[in-house]
Amino acid sequence: MNHISYILMVCALLMGPAACSYESRQTTVHEPGVYKGAKDPLLAQQKQQELIDRFKLVQTDR
């Protein structure tokens, strides 16, 4: 029984590093109400007005 427990312990120790990720650990700090992503072309004033107009066409019953 001791041999099995040693084998299981060695397997668990060897599998521990395999569970780690090699991806970057850098995080983006977010501020409330501030978008940190790339510029969205739909946020241009003309596009924004088009989206509002489309919304009003569809959502007239609510």
PDB file of N, CA and C in Angstrom:
ATOM      1  N   MET A   1       0.817  -1.197   0.000  1.00  0.00           N
ATOM      2  CA  MET A   1       0.000   0.000   0.000  1.00  0.00           C
ATOM      3  C   MET A   1       0.854   1.250   0.000  1.00  0.00           C
ATOM      4  N   ASN A   2       2.008   1.222   0.645  1.00  0.00           N
ATOM      5  CA  ASN A   2       2.896   2.376   0.680  1.00  0.00           C
ATOM      6  C   ASN A   2       3.442   2.712  -0.699  1.00  0.00           C
ATOM      7  N   HIS A   3       3.704   1.698  -1.502  1.00  0.00           N
ATOM      8  CA  HIS A   3       4.239   1.945  -2.844  1.00  0.00           C
ATOM      9  C   HIS A   3       3.228   2.692  -3.705  1.00  0.00           C
ATOM     10  N   ILE A   4       1.979   2.335  -3.569  1.00  0.00           N
ATOM     11  CA  ILE A   4       0.936   3.001  -4.355  1.00  0.00           C
ATOM     12  C   ILE A   4       0.800   4.460  -3.930  1.00  0.00           C
ATOM     13  N   SER A   5       0.859   4.715  -2.646  1.00  0.00           N
ATOM     14  CA  SER A   5       0.736   6.101  -2.191  1.00  0.00           C
ATOM     15  C   SER A   5       1.929   6.934  -2.646  1.00  0.00           C
ATOM     16  N   TYR A   6       3.136   6.351  -2.655  1.00  0.00           N
ATOM     17  CA  TYR A   6       4.312   7.072  -3.149  1.00  0.00           C
ATOM     18  C   TYR A   6       4.195   7.361  -4.643  1.00  0.00           C
ATOM     19  N   ILE A   7       3.698   6.394  -5.385  1.00  0.00           N
ATOM     20  CA  ILE A   7       3.532   6.580  -6.826  1.00  0.00           C
ATOM     21  C   ILE A   7       2.506   7.680  -7.102  1.00  0.00           C
ATOM     22  N   LEU A   8       1.405   7.665  -6.353  1.00  0.00           N
ATOM     23  CA  LEU A   8       0.395   8.705  -6.539  1.00  0.00           C
ATOM     24  C   LEU A   8       0.930  10.072  -6.156  1.00  0.00           C
ATOM     25  N   MET A   9       1.738  10.134  -5.109  1.00  0.00           N
ATOM     26  CA  MET A   9       2.311  11.409  -4.682  1.00  0.00           C
ATOM     27  C   MET A   9       3.279  11.942  -5.738  1.00  0.00           C
ATOM     28  N   VAL A  10       4.101  11.074  -6.296  1.00  0.00           N
ATOM     29  CA  VAL A  10       5.049  11.493  -7.332  1.00  0.00           C
ATOM     30  C   VAL A  10       4.293  11.949  -8.582  1.00  0.00           C
ATOM     31  N   CYS A  11       3.225  11.244  -8.945  1.00  0.00           N
ATOM     32  CA  CYS A  11       2.420  11.652 -10.112  1.00  0.00           C
ATOM     33  C   CYS A  11       1.790  13.020  -9.884  1.00  0.00           C
ATOM     34  N   ALA A  12       1.290  13.252  -8.681  1.00  0.00           N
ATOM     35  CA  ALA A  12       0.678  14.544  -8.370  1.00  0.00           C
ATOM     36  C   ALA A  12       1.712  15.661  -8.422  1.00  0.00           C
ATOM     37  N   LEU A  13       2.911  15.407  -7.929  1.00  0.00           N
ATOM     38  CA  LEU A  13       3.966  16.414  -7.966  1.00  0.00           C
ATOM     39  C   LEU A  13       4.437  16.705  -9.386  1.00  0.00           C
ATOM     40  N   LEU A  14       4.462  15.694 -10.221  1.00  0.00           N
ATOM     41  CA  LEU A  14       4.893  15.897 -11.605  1.00  0.00           C
ATOM     42  C   LEU A  14       3.827  16.581 -12.450  1.00  0.00           C
ATOM     43  N   MET A  15       2.565  16.385 -12.113  1.00  0.00           N
ATOM     44  CA  MET A  15       1.494  16.995 -12.882  1.00  0.00           C
ATOM     45  C   MET A  15       1.226  18.434 -12.461  1.00  0.00           C
ATOM     46  N   GLY A  16       1.706  18.850 -11.324  1.00  0.00           N
ATOM     47  CA  GLY A  16       1.494  20.217 -10.847  1.00  0.00           C
ATOM     48  C   GLY A  16       2.003  21.269 -11.815  1.00  0.00           C
ATOM     49  N   PRO A  17       3.258  21.215 -12.224  1.00  0.00           N
ATOM     50  CA  PRO A  17       3.752  22.222 -13.184  1.00  0.00           C
ATOM     51  C   PRO A  17       3.072  22.134 -14.547  1.00  0.00           C
ATOM     52  N   ALA A  18       2.554  20.980 -14.902  1.00  0.00           N
ATOM     53  CA  ALA A  18       1.876  20.841 -16.194  1.00  0.00           C
ATOM     54  C   ALA A  18       0.585  21.646 -16.227  1.00  0.00           C
ATOM     55  N   ALA A  19       0.012  21.942 -15.072  1.00  0.00           N
ATOM     56  CA  ALA A  19      -1.228  22.695 -15.012  1.00  0.00           C
ATOM     57  C   ALA A  19      -1.002  24.197 -15.133  1.00  0.00           C
ATOM     58  N   CYS A  20       0.235  24.635 -15.070  1.00  0.00           N
ATOM     59  CA  CYS A  20       0.539  26.066 -15.148  1.00  0.00           C
ATOM     60  C   CYS A  20       0.484  26.532 -16.603  1.00  0.00           C
ATOM     61  N   SER A  21       0.175  27.776 -16.791  1.00  0.00           N
ATOM     62  CA  SER A  21       0.093  28.363 -18.120  1.00  0.00           C
ATOM     63  C   SER A  21       1.328  29.218 -18.370  1.00  0.00           C
ATOM     64  N   TYR A  22       1.778  29.227 -19.602  1.00  0.00           N
ATOM     65  CA  TYR A  22       2.938  30.025 -19.963  1.00  0.00           C
ATOM     66  C   TYR A  22       2.546  31.350 -20.592  1.00  0.00           C
ATOM     67  N   GLU A  23       1.262  31.712 -20.523  1.00  0.00           N
ATOM     68  CA  GLU A  23       0.800  32.976 -21.077  1.00  0.00           C
ATOM     69  C   GLU A  23       1.231  34.135 -20.191  1.00  0.00           C
ATOM     70  N   SER A  24       1.231  35.302 -20.768  1.00  0.00           N
ATOM     71  CA  SER A  24       1.607  36.495 -20.033  1.00  0.00           C
ATOM     72  C   SER A  24       0.624  36.752 -18.896  1.00  0.00           C
ATOM     73  N   ARG A  25       1.123  37.245 -17.794  1.00  0.00           N
ATOM     74  CA  ARG A  25       0.288  37.516 -16.630  1.00  0.00           C
ATOM     75  C   ARG A  25      -0.078  38.994 -16.525  1.00  0.00           C
ATOM     76  N   GLN A  26       0.138  39.764 -17.581  1.00  0.00           N
ATOM     77  CA  GLN A  26      -0.182  41.180 -17.551  1.00  0.00           C
ATOM     78  C   GLN A  26      -1.692  41.358 -17.561  1.00  0.00           C
ATOM     79  N   THR A  27      -2.179  42.258 -16.740  1.00  0.00           N
ATOM     80  CA  THR A  27      -3.610  42.529 -16.679  1.00  0.00           C
ATOM     81  C   THR A  27      -3.868  43.985 -17.023  1.00  0.00           C
ATOM     82  N   THR A  28      -5.046  44.240 -17.525  1.00  0.00           N
ATOM     83  CA  THR A  28      -5.453  45.600 -17.829  1.00  0.00           C
ATOM     84  C   THR A  28      -6.243  46.130 -16.648  1.00  0.00           C
ATOM     85  N   VAL A  29      -5.820  47.266 -16.129  1.00  0.00           N
ATOM     86  CA  VAL A  29      -6.525  47.879 -15.018  1.00  0.00           C
ATOM     87  C   VAL A  29      -7.677  48.700 -15.589  1.00  0.00           C
ATOM     88  N   HIS A  30      -8.868  48.403 -15.150  1.00  0.00           N
ATOM     89  CA  HIS A  30     -10.057  49.073 -15.675  1.00  0.00           C
ATOM     90  C   HIS A  30     -10.471  50.205 -14.756  1.00  0.00           C
ATOM     91  N   GLU A  31     -10.964  51.256 -15.380  1.00  0.00           N
ATOM     92  CA  GLU A  31     -11.516  52.379 -14.650  1.00  0.00           C
ATOM     93  C   GLU A  31     -12.997  52.458 -14.987  1.00  0.00           C
ATOM     94  N   PRO A  32     -13.845  52.726 -14.005  1.00  0.00           N
ATOM     95  CA  PRO A  32     -15.284  52.788 -14.279  1.00  0.00           C
ATOM     96  C   PRO A  32     -15.615  53.863 -15.314  1.00  0.00           C
ATOM     97  N   GLY A  33     -16.365  53.475 -16.336  1.00  0.00           N
ATOM     98  CA  GLY A  33     -16.818  54.422 -17.347  1.00  0.00           C
ATOM     99  C   GLY A  33     -15.785  54.776 -18.400  1.00  0.00           C
ATOM    100  N   VAL A  34     -14.617  54.134 -18.384  1.00  0.00           N
ATOM    101  CA  VAL A  34     -13.566  54.442 -19.359  1.00  0.00           C
ATOM    102  C   VAL A  34     -13.290  53.180 -20.167  1.00  0.00           C
ATOM    103  N   TYR A  35     -13.458  53.274 -21.494  1.00  0.00           N
ATOM    104  CA  TYR A  35     -13.189  52.148 -22.384  1.00  0.00           C
ATOM    105  C   TYR A  35     -11.728  52.153 -22.769  1.00  0.00           C
ATOM    106  N   LYS A  36     -11.020  51.051 -22.504  1.00  0.00           N
ATOM    107  CA  LYS A  36      -9.587  50.968 -22.759  1.00  0.00           C
ATOM    108  C   LYS A  36      -9.249  50.239 -24.054  1.00  0.00           C
ATOM    109  N   GLY A  37     -10.241  49.770 -24.777  1.00  0.00           N
ATOM    110  CA  GLY A  37      -9.998  48.999 -25.982  1.00  0.00           C
ATOM    111  C   GLY A  37      -9.714  49.873 -27.188  1.00  0.00           C
ATOM    112  N   ALA A  38      -9.606  49.216 -28.349  1.00  0.00           N
ATOM    113  CA  ALA A  38      -9.348  49.923 -29.605  1.00  0.00           C
ATOM    114  C   ALA A  38     -10.576  50.760 -29.977  1.00  0.00           C
ATOM    115  N   LYS A  39     -10.349  51.762 -30.799  1.00  0.00           N
ATOM    116  CA  LYS A  39     -11.441  52.633 -31.235  1.00  0.00           C
ATOM    117  C   LYS A  39     -12.450  51.827 -32.043  1.00  0.00           C
ATOM    118  N   ASP A  40     -13.718  52.044 -31.767  1.00  0.00           N
ATOM    119  CA  ASP A  40     -14.793  51.359 -32.452  1.00  0.00           C
ATOM    120  C   ASP A  40     -15.334  52.263 -33.557  1.00  0.00           C
ATOM    121  N   PRO A  41     -15.326  51.803 -34.821  1.00  0.00           N
ATOM    122  CA  PRO A  41     -15.804  52.665 -35.905  1.00  0.00           C
ATOM    123  C   PRO A  41     -17.297  52.970 -35.795  1.00  0.00           C
ATOM    124  N   LEU A  42     -18.046  52.163 -35.069  1.00  0.00           N
ATOM    125  CA  LEU A  42     -19.475  52.420 -34.921  1.00  0.00           C
ATOM    126  C   LEU A  42     -19.760  53.560 -33.960  1.00  0.00           C
ATOM    127  N   LEU A  43     -18.761  54.012 -33.241  1.00  0.00           N
ATOM    128  CA  LEU A  43     -18.975  55.096 -32.297  1.00  0.00           C
ATOM    129  C   LEU A  43     -18.811  56.476 -32.924  1.00  0.00           C
ATOM    130  N   ALA A  44     -18.499  56.515 -34.211  1.00  0.00           N
ATOM    131  CA  ALA A  44     -18.421  57.802 -34.889  1.00  0.00           C
ATOM    132  C   ALA A  44     -19.805  58.446 -34.856  1.00  0.00           C
ATOM    133  N   GLN A  45     -19.864  59.758 -34.872  1.00  0.00           N
ATOM    134  CA  GLN A  45     -21.145  60.469 -34.700  1.00  0.00           C
ATOM    135  C   GLN A  45     -22.162  60.069 -35.756  1.00  0.00           C
ATOM    136  N   GLN A  46     -21.739  59.958 -37.011  1.00  0.00           N
ATOM    137  CA  GLN A  46     -22.678  59.605 -38.071  1.00  0.00           C
ATOM    138  C   GLN A  46     -23.195  58.176 -37.858  1.00  0.00           C
ATOM    139  N   LYS A  47     -22.322  57.258 -37.561  1.00  0.00           N
ATOM    140  CA  LYS A  47     -22.732  55.878 -37.328  1.00  0.00           C
ATOM    141  C   LYS A  47     -23.627  55.790 -36.099  1.00  0.00           C
ATOM    142  N   GLN A  48     -23.306  56.561 -35.075  1.00  0.00           N
ATOM    143  CA  GLN A  48     -24.109  56.555 -33.861  1.00  0.00           C
ATOM    144  C   GLN A  48     -25.539  57.002 -34.163  1.00  0.00           C
ATOM    145  N   GLN A  49     -25.679  58.016 -34.970  1.00  0.00           N
ATOM    146  CA  GLN A  49     -27.019  58.503 -35.330  1.00  0.00           C
ATOM    147  C   GLN A  49     -27.759  57.460 -36.169  1.00  0.00           C
ATOM    148  N   GLU A  50     -27.051  56.771 -37.071  1.00  0.00           N
ATOM    149  CA  GLU A  50     -27.678  55.720 -37.860  1.00  0.00           C
ATOM    150  C   GLU A  50     -28.179  54.592 -36.964  1.00  0.00           C
ATOM    151  N   LEU A  51     -27.396  54.242 -35.963  1.00  0.00           N
ATOM    152  CA  LEU A  51     -27.810  53.181 -35.047  1.00  0.00           C
ATOM    153  C   LEU A  51     -29.024  53.607 -34.220  1.00  0.00           C
ATOM    154  N   ILE A  52     -29.064  54.847 -33.814  1.00  0.00           N
ATOM    155  CA  ILE A  52     -30.213  55.354 -33.062  1.00  0.00           C
ATOM    156  C   ILE A  52     -31.464  55.326 -33.930  1.00  0.00           C
ATOM    157  N   ASP A  53     -31.321  55.739 -35.199  1.00  0.00           N
ATOM    158  CA  ASP A  53     -32.464  55.734 -36.115  1.00  0.00           C
ATOM    159  C   ASP A  53     -32.973  54.309 -36.351  1.00  0.00           C
ATOM    160  N   ARG A  54     -32.055  53.354 -36.526  1.00  0.00           N
ATOM    161  CA  ARG A  54     -32.455  51.961 -36.724  1.00  0.00           C
ATOM    162  C   ARG A  54     -33.148  51.418 -35.489  1.00  0.00           C
ATOM    163  N   PHE A  55     -32.661  51.787 -34.337  1.00  0.00           N
ATOM    164  CA  PHE A  55     -33.272  51.336 -33.087  1.00  0.00           C
ATOM    165  C   PHE A  55     -34.709  51.849 -32.977  1.00  0.00           C
ATOM    166  N   LYS A  56     -34.904  53.118 -33.339  1.00  0.00           N
ATOM    167  CA  LYS A  56     -36.231  53.704 -33.247  1.00  0.00           C
ATOM    168  C   LYS A  56     -37.205  53.061 -34.236  1.00  0.00           C
ATOM    169  N   LEU A  57     -36.718  52.618 -35.389  1.00  0.00           N
ATOM    170  CA  LEU A  57     -37.581  51.945 -36.364  1.00  0.00           C
ATOM    171  C   LEU A  57     -38.100  50.621 -35.834  1.00  0.00           C
ATOM    172  N   VAL A  58     -37.280  49.913 -35.120  1.00  0.00           N
ATOM    173  CA  VAL A  58     -37.637  48.566 -34.666  1.00  0.00           C
ATOM    174  C   VAL A  58     -38.368  48.595 -33.325  1.00  0.00           C
ATOM    175  N   GLN A  59     -37.975  49.478 -32.442  1.00  0.00           N
ATOM    176  CA  GLN A  59     -38.484  49.463 -31.080  1.00  0.00           C
ATOM    177  C   GLN A  59     -39.659  50.428 -30.859  1.00  0.00           C
ATOM    178  N   THR A  60     -40.499  50.578 -31.858  1.00  0.00           N
ATOM    179  CA  THR A  60     -41.618  51.524 -31.739  1.00  0.00           C
ATOM    180  C   THR A  60     -42.730  51.006 -30.834  1.00  0.00           C
ATOM    181  N   ASP A  61     -42.823  49.696 -30.644  1.00  0.00           N
ATOM    182  CA  ASP A  61     -43.905  49.142 -29.840  1.00  0.00           C
ATOM    183  C   ASP A  61     -43.587  49.111 -28.350  1.00  0.00           C
ATOM    184  N   ARG A  62     -42.442  49.540 -27.953  1.00  0.00           N
ATOM    185  CA  ARG A  62     -42.065  49.428 -26.540  1.00  0.00           C
ATOM    186  C   ARG A  62     -41.955  50.746 -25.888  1.00  0.00           C
TER     187      ARG A  62
END
